[in-house]
Amino acid sequence: MSNPKISIICPVYNAEKTIHKCIDSILAQTFVDWELLLVNDGSTDNSDKICDRYAEKDRRIRVIHQQNGGVSAARQVGLDLSIGDYVIHVDPDDWIESCMLHDLYYKAVDEHADVVICDFYIDNNGLESCRVEQKPSSLDPKTVLSELFQQLHGSCCNKLAKRACYSNYGIKFPVGLNYCEDLLIWVQLFSHDVKIAYQPRAYYHYCYNNNSITQRFSRKLYDQSRMVVALLEKLYPENEHKQAAINRHKMNIKTAAFSNPAFFRGSEYYRIYPEINKFILKRKMSIVNNLLMRISYIHGFFRIGTGLYRLKNHIRGNS
């Protein structure tokens, strides 16, 4: 097969219930000059067999089987083996509109863009679909980078990028990180003088469900979140937006820790980014929540503050 215009990278892990819809939506594209790299990341269900069957029927589909290494490693393998002029990522539990590749590719060509950003949908357990508009205030890479930590989404799935950008700037997915790995790709890419275009239409359907990793707080997710902060310190270019972006991640980590006290000792919670306390308390929240957080920030009062917080929410839920 000659080099396709677009490489689609899909990391697959135990996705037998959703992968059909995902791949079928790619096969239904009006734009046909693409390759699909299905990176089977050590699935233990029937995902590997499903991927192989699709590859047997369509020569544009390639399947890579590997031992489980996590989503970041799977995305990197797909990127290393891709041969398209442009690259986009799709997750196996999501799906895309039939005109997505056509519209994004010709937007990139018409505007000589290195990256095209589009809107997306959030499908809530298949019950409703909500469009999320991106609307960057400027297409300058410095501004877009800053707004990734505000209103813009850091996913690889709503962005078409020139494959050459990855190699020219030495951009790789972080090893051992399976949370916010896509955000860190854009931190690296938008640190350079790339040309960005915006397509104000939604194509990608992000299928939200309560089993998402972002909804299951754990000690592992907490450790991964701290890795993200450490990498942001290293990868985010030195400018006036850097500290604000890092502070937002620190606030999210500390707020999540407050809401999940079973994972922490009081003394340990006290040491989680203490410099960020003053910023969290400036967030919009009720007077009661503000008071309970202030109590939790006092050394030795973590259990009291979080206990009262849970009691308040329990009473409200039963009222």
Protein backbone atom coordinates (compact mmCIF):
# COMPACT_ATOMS: atom_id res chain seq x y z
CA MET A 1 0.00 0.00 0.00
CA SER A 2 1.34 3.45 -0.89
CA ASN A 3 1.58 5.96 1.88
CA PRO A 4 -1.93 6.96 2.97
CA LYS A 5 -2.91 10.53 3.72
CA ILE A 6 -4.01 9.74 7.30
CA SER A 7 -2.89 7.22 9.89
CA ILE A 8 -5.48 6.42 12.57
CA ILE A 9 -4.04 4.95 15.76
CA CYS A 10 -6.28 2.97 18.08
CA PRO A 11 -4.89 1.43 21.30
CA VAL A 12 -7.00 -1.62 22.16
CA TYR A 13 -7.32 -3.28 25.55
CA ASN A 14 -10.28 -5.52 26.44
CA ALA A 15 -12.65 -3.61 24.20
CA GLU A 16 -14.67 -6.48 22.70
CA LYS A 17 -17.98 -4.80 23.60
CA THR A 18 -17.25 -1.49 21.85
CA ILE A 19 -14.57 -2.07 19.21
CA HIS A 20 -17.05 -3.06 16.47
CA LYS A 21 -18.80 0.31 16.55
CA CYS A 22 -15.49 2.14 16.61
CA ILE A 23 -13.99 0.33 13.61
CA ASP A 24 -17.27 0.38 11.67
CA SER A 25 -17.39 4.16 12.01
CA ILE A 26 -13.90 4.35 10.49
CA LEU A 27 -14.85 2.03 7.63
CA ALA A 28 -17.83 4.32 6.94
CA GLN A 29 -15.62 7.37 6.32
CA THR A 30 -16.26 9.27 3.10
CA PHE A 31 -12.49 9.87 2.96
CA VAL A 32 -10.91 6.54 2.02
CA ASP A 33 -7.15 7.20 1.86
CA TRP A 34 -6.28 6.11 5.40
CA GLU A 35 -4.65 3.34 7.39
CA LEU A 36 -5.87 2.08 10.75
CA LEU A 37 -3.34 0.75 13.23
CA LEU A 38 -5.03 -1.37 15.90
CA VAL A 39 -2.51 -1.84 18.71
CA ASN A 40 -3.73 -4.78 20.77
CA ASP A 41 -2.15 -4.09 24.15
CA GLY A 42 -2.27 -7.57 25.65
CA SER A 43 -6.07 -7.90 25.69
CA THR A 44 -7.40 -10.91 27.63
CA ASP A 45 -10.84 -10.93 26.00
CA ASN A 46 -11.69 -11.42 22.31
CA SER A 47 -10.42 -8.01 21.18
CA ASP A 48 -7.40 -9.54 19.44
CA LYS A 49 -9.53 -11.89 17.36
CA ILE A 50 -11.97 -9.13 16.42
CA CYS A 51 -9.12 -6.90 15.25
CA ASP A 52 -7.60 -9.72 13.20
CA ARG A 53 -10.92 -10.41 11.48
CA TYR A 54 -11.26 -6.76 10.43
CA ALA A 55 -7.68 -6.76 9.11
CA GLU A 56 -8.41 -9.84 7.00
CA LYS A 57 -11.28 -8.01 5.31
CA ASP A 58 -9.62 -4.62 4.67
CA ARG A 59 -5.98 -4.17 3.70
CA ARG A 60 -5.95 -0.64 5.16
CA ILE A 61 -6.15 -2.14 8.66
CA ARG A 62 -2.99 -3.32 10.41
CA VAL A 63 -2.99 -5.10 13.76
CA ILE A 64 -0.05 -5.01 16.15
CA HIS A 65 -0.14 -7.49 19.04
CA GLN A 66 2.02 -6.73 22.06
CA GLN A 67 2.26 -7.51 25.75
CA ASN A 68 0.35 -5.13 27.97
CA GLY A 69 2.31 -1.93 28.39
CA GLY A 70 -0.42 0.64 28.90
CA VAL A 71 -2.11 3.16 26.64
CA SER A 72 0.91 5.45 26.34
CA ALA A 73 3.14 2.63 25.10
CA ALA A 74 0.41 1.45 22.69
CA ARG A 75 -0.03 4.93 21.22
CA GLN A 76 3.73 5.25 20.76
CA VAL A 77 3.99 1.90 18.96
CA GLY A 78 1.21 2.98 16.61
CA LEU A 79 2.93 6.30 16.01
CA ASP A 80 6.29 4.64 15.31
CA LEU A 81 4.74 2.31 12.73
CA SER A 82 2.44 4.85 11.07
CA ILE A 83 3.18 5.99 7.52
CA GLY A 84 0.45 8.57 6.83
CA ASP A 85 1.01 12.25 6.14
CA TYR A 86 -1.23 13.08 9.10
CA VAL A 87 -2.03 11.25 12.33
CA ILE A 88 -5.12 11.11 14.51
CA HIS A 89 -6.03 8.88 17.45
CA VAL A 90 -9.28 7.06 18.19
CA ASP A 91 -10.12 5.18 21.38
CA PRO A 92 -11.85 1.79 21.01
CA ASP A 93 -14.89 2.72 23.10
CA ASP A 94 -15.62 5.83 21.02
CA TRP A 95 -16.73 6.45 17.42
CA ILE A 96 -16.53 9.15 14.74
CA GLU A 97 -18.83 10.86 12.27
CA SER A 98 -18.49 9.69 8.65
CA CYS A 99 -17.13 13.02 7.36
CA MET A 100 -14.52 13.57 10.08
CA LEU A 101 -11.41 12.54 8.17
CA HIS A 102 -12.52 14.31 4.99
CA ASP A 103 -13.24 17.62 6.70
CA LEU A 104 -10.14 17.67 8.90
CA TYR A 105 -7.77 16.63 6.11
CA TYR A 106 -8.97 19.27 3.66
CA LYS A 107 -9.01 21.90 6.38
CA ALA A 108 -5.34 21.09 7.02
CA VAL A 109 -4.51 21.20 3.29
CA ASP A 110 -6.45 24.39 2.59
CA GLU A 111 -4.86 26.26 5.49
CA HIS A 112 -1.43 24.59 5.31
CA ALA A 113 -1.90 23.64 8.95
CA ASP A 114 0.27 21.38 11.08
CA VAL A 115 -2.63 20.72 13.47
CA VAL A 116 -6.41 20.94 13.07
CA ILE A 117 -8.55 21.10 16.21
CA CYS A 118 -12.27 20.31 16.10
CA ASP A 119 -15.21 20.13 18.50
CA PHE A 120 -16.48 16.83 19.90
CA TYR A 121 -19.48 15.18 21.54
CA ILE A 122 -19.76 13.60 24.95
CA ASP A 123 -22.15 10.65 24.78
CA ASN A 124 -23.41 9.90 28.29
CA ASN A 125 -23.88 6.12 28.51
CA GLY A 126 -25.56 6.23 25.09
CA LEU A 127 -28.49 8.21 26.49
CA GLU A 128 -27.68 11.74 25.33
CA SER A 129 -25.06 13.56 23.29
CA CYS A 130 -23.65 16.93 24.31
CA ARG A 131 -21.53 18.99 21.94
CA VAL A 132 -18.40 20.54 23.44
CA GLU A 133 -17.14 23.57 21.55
CA GLN A 134 -13.42 24.35 21.66
CA LYS A 135 -13.25 27.92 20.34
CA PRO A 136 -9.60 28.82 20.99
CA SER A 137 -9.34 32.59 21.46
CA SER A 138 -6.31 32.62 19.17
CA LEU A 139 -4.59 30.07 16.96
CA ASP A 140 -1.17 31.11 18.17
CA PRO A 141 0.46 27.97 19.67
CA LYS A 142 1.38 29.76 22.90
CA THR A 143 -2.26 30.76 23.46
CA VAL A 144 -3.62 27.33 22.51
CA LEU A 145 -1.15 25.70 24.92
CA SER A 146 -2.30 27.93 27.76
CA GLU A 147 -5.97 27.27 26.99
CA LEU A 148 -5.43 23.49 27.12
CA PHE A 149 -5.41 24.07 30.87
CA GLN A 150 -8.59 26.11 30.74
CA GLN A 151 -11.41 25.51 28.24
CA LEU A 152 -9.69 23.36 25.59
CA HIS A 153 -9.55 19.56 25.68
CA GLY A 154 -6.12 17.89 25.78
CA SER A 155 -7.14 14.75 23.89
CA CYS A 156 -5.41 13.42 20.77
CA CYS A 157 -8.77 12.31 19.39
CA ASN A 158 -10.07 15.71 18.27
CA LYS A 159 -6.81 16.83 16.66
CA LEU A 160 -5.32 15.91 13.30
CA ALA A 161 -1.55 16.51 13.22
CA LYS A 162 1.21 16.21 10.63
CA ARG A 163 3.18 13.07 11.35
CA ALA A 164 6.40 14.93 10.53
CA CYS A 165 5.84 17.18 13.56
CA TYR A 166 6.33 14.23 15.89
CA SER A 167 9.66 13.26 14.34
CA ASN A 168 10.93 16.78 13.61
CA TYR A 169 10.47 17.87 17.22
CA GLY A 170 11.26 14.52 18.87
CA ILE A 171 7.80 14.24 20.43
CA LYS A 172 6.97 10.97 22.17
CA PHE A 173 4.36 9.66 24.58
CA PRO A 174 5.73 9.54 28.14
CA VAL A 175 6.93 6.07 29.16
CA GLY A 176 4.97 4.49 32.02
CA LEU A 177 2.24 7.14 32.07
CA ASN A 178 -1.34 6.12 31.33
CA TYR A 179 -3.13 9.27 32.46
CA CYS A 180 -3.04 12.65 30.67
CA GLU A 181 -0.47 11.17 28.29
CA ASP A 182 -2.21 12.89 25.37
CA LEU A 183 -2.15 16.29 27.08
CA LEU A 184 1.63 16.04 27.43
CA ILE A 185 1.93 15.40 23.68
CA TRP A 186 0.32 18.76 22.99
CA VAL A 187 2.41 20.50 25.62
CA GLN A 188 5.44 19.33 23.64
CA LEU A 189 4.02 20.13 20.21
CA PHE A 190 2.55 23.55 21.00
CA SER A 191 5.88 24.57 22.50
CA HIS A 192 7.00 24.96 18.88
CA ASP A 193 5.96 27.40 16.18
CA VAL A 194 3.36 25.19 14.50
CA LYS A 195 0.45 26.40 12.38
CA ILE A 196 -2.92 25.58 13.94
CA ALA A 197 -6.37 25.58 12.32
CA TYR A 198 -9.76 25.24 13.97
CA GLN A 199 -12.75 23.41 12.48
CA PRO A 200 -15.86 24.56 14.43
CA ARG A 201 -17.79 21.33 14.03
CA ALA A 202 -18.08 18.22 16.22
CA TYR A 203 -17.18 14.80 14.78
CA TYR A 204 -15.75 12.70 17.58
CA HIS A 205 -18.07 10.91 20.02
CA TYR A 206 -16.39 10.49 23.38
CA CYS A 207 -18.44 7.80 25.12
CA TYR A 208 -18.52 8.66 28.79
CA ASN A 209 -19.25 5.95 31.32
CA ASN A 210 -18.87 5.55 35.05
CA ASN A 211 -16.10 2.97 34.62
CA SER A 212 -13.75 5.49 33.05
CA ILE A 213 -10.32 5.69 34.68
CA THR A 214 -10.95 9.36 35.37
CA GLN A 215 -13.95 8.36 37.54
CA ARG A 216 -12.12 5.73 39.60
CA PHE A 217 -9.80 7.49 41.99
CA SER A 218 -7.08 5.22 43.32
CA ARG A 219 -3.65 5.44 44.80
CA LYS A 220 -2.25 4.48 41.39
CA LEU A 221 -4.15 7.30 39.69
CA TYR A 222 -2.90 9.69 42.37
CA ASP A 223 0.71 8.64 41.70
CA GLN A 224 0.16 9.00 37.95
CA SER A 225 -1.25 12.49 38.49
CA ARG A 226 1.86 13.51 40.38
CA MET A 227 3.96 12.18 37.48
CA VAL A 228 1.99 14.49 35.18
CA VAL A 229 2.90 17.48 37.35
CA ALA A 230 6.58 16.49 37.34
CA LEU A 231 6.55 16.16 33.55
CA LEU A 232 4.78 19.49 33.16
CA GLU A 233 7.55 21.11 35.16
CA LYS A 234 10.01 19.64 32.66
CA LEU A 235 8.14 19.95 29.35
CA TYR A 236 6.10 23.15 29.62
CA PRO A 237 8.11 26.03 28.10
CA GLU A 238 9.19 28.83 30.38
CA ASN A 239 6.61 31.58 29.99
CA GLU A 240 4.07 33.54 32.00
CA HIS A 241 1.44 30.78 31.71
CA LYS A 242 3.52 27.88 33.02
CA GLN A 243 2.93 28.18 36.74
CA ALA A 244 -0.82 28.74 36.36
CA ALA A 245 -1.10 25.57 34.24
CA ILE A 246 0.84 23.52 36.79
CA ASN A 247 -1.14 24.98 39.68
CA ARG A 248 -4.41 23.83 38.08
CA HIS A 249 -3.17 20.25 38.02
CA LYS A 250 -1.99 20.49 41.60
CA MET A 251 -5.38 21.84 42.66
CA ASN A 252 -7.19 18.99 40.90
CA ILE A 253 -4.98 16.43 42.62
CA LYS A 254 -5.43 17.92 46.08
CA THR A 255 -9.19 18.33 45.61
CA ALA A 256 -9.49 14.69 44.49
CA ALA A 257 -7.47 13.61 47.52
CA PHE A 258 -9.79 15.58 49.79
CA SER A 259 -12.80 13.78 48.28
CA ASN A 260 -11.16 10.36 48.73
CA PRO A 261 -9.66 10.44 52.24
CA ALA A 262 -9.51 6.63 52.58
CA PHE A 263 -6.34 6.64 50.46
CA PHE A 264 -4.38 9.03 52.69
CA ARG A 265 -3.14 9.50 56.21
CA GLY A 266 -3.70 12.95 57.63
CA SER A 267 0.01 13.76 57.79
CA GLU A 268 0.41 12.66 54.18
CA TYR A 269 -2.47 14.81 52.96
CA TYR A 270 -0.95 17.78 54.78
CA ARG A 271 2.17 17.40 52.61
CA ILE A 272 0.31 17.31 49.26
CA TYR A 273 1.29 20.57 47.56
CA PRO A 274 0.74 22.82 50.62
CA GLU A 275 1.65 25.82 48.47
CA ILE A 276 -1.59 25.30 46.52
CA ASN A 277 -4.00 25.64 49.47
CA LYS A 278 -4.48 29.38 49.02
CA PHE A 279 -5.49 28.91 45.37
CA ILE A 280 -8.03 26.17 46.13
CA LEU A 281 -9.71 28.29 48.78
CA LYS A 282 -10.22 31.06 46.22
CA ARG A 283 -12.31 28.74 44.03
CA LYS A 284 -16.04 29.27 43.94
CA MET A 285 -17.58 27.03 46.60
CA SER A 286 -20.05 27.24 49.45
CA ILE A 287 -19.03 28.82 52.74
CA VAL A 288 -19.42 25.40 54.41
CA ASN A 289 -17.15 23.62 51.91
CA ASN A 290 -14.59 26.38 52.24
CA LEU A 291 -14.63 26.02 56.02
CA LEU A 292 -14.29 22.23 55.87
CA MET A 293 -11.34 22.49 53.53
CA ARG A 294 -9.70 25.01 55.81
CA ILE A 295 -10.12 22.57 58.70
CA SER A 296 -8.56 19.77 56.63
CA TYR A 297 -5.51 21.89 55.85
CA ILE A 298 -4.68 22.19 59.55
CA HIS A 299 -2.13 19.55 60.52
CA GLY A 300 -3.91 16.73 62.37
CA PHE A 301 -7.46 17.79 61.38
CA PHE A 302 -7.71 16.01 58.01
CA ARG A 303 -10.05 13.25 59.23
CA ILE A 304 -12.29 15.73 61.01
CA GLY A 305 -12.66 17.97 57.95
CA THR A 306 -13.28 15.18 55.45
CA GLY A 307 -15.61 13.36 57.87
CA LEU A 308 -17.79 16.44 58.24
CA TYR A 309 -17.71 16.90 54.46
CA ARG A 310 -19.03 13.36 53.88
CA LEU A 311 -21.67 13.81 56.59
CA LYS A 312 -22.86 17.05 54.99
CA ASN A 313 -23.19 15.38 51.58
CA HIS A 314 -24.98 12.38 53.12
CA ILE A 315 -27.52 14.62 54.83
CA ARG A 316 -28.04 16.61 51.63
CA GLY A 317 -28.50 13.40 49.64
CA ASN A 318 -31.18 12.16 52.03
CA SER A 319 -33.01 15.45 52.33
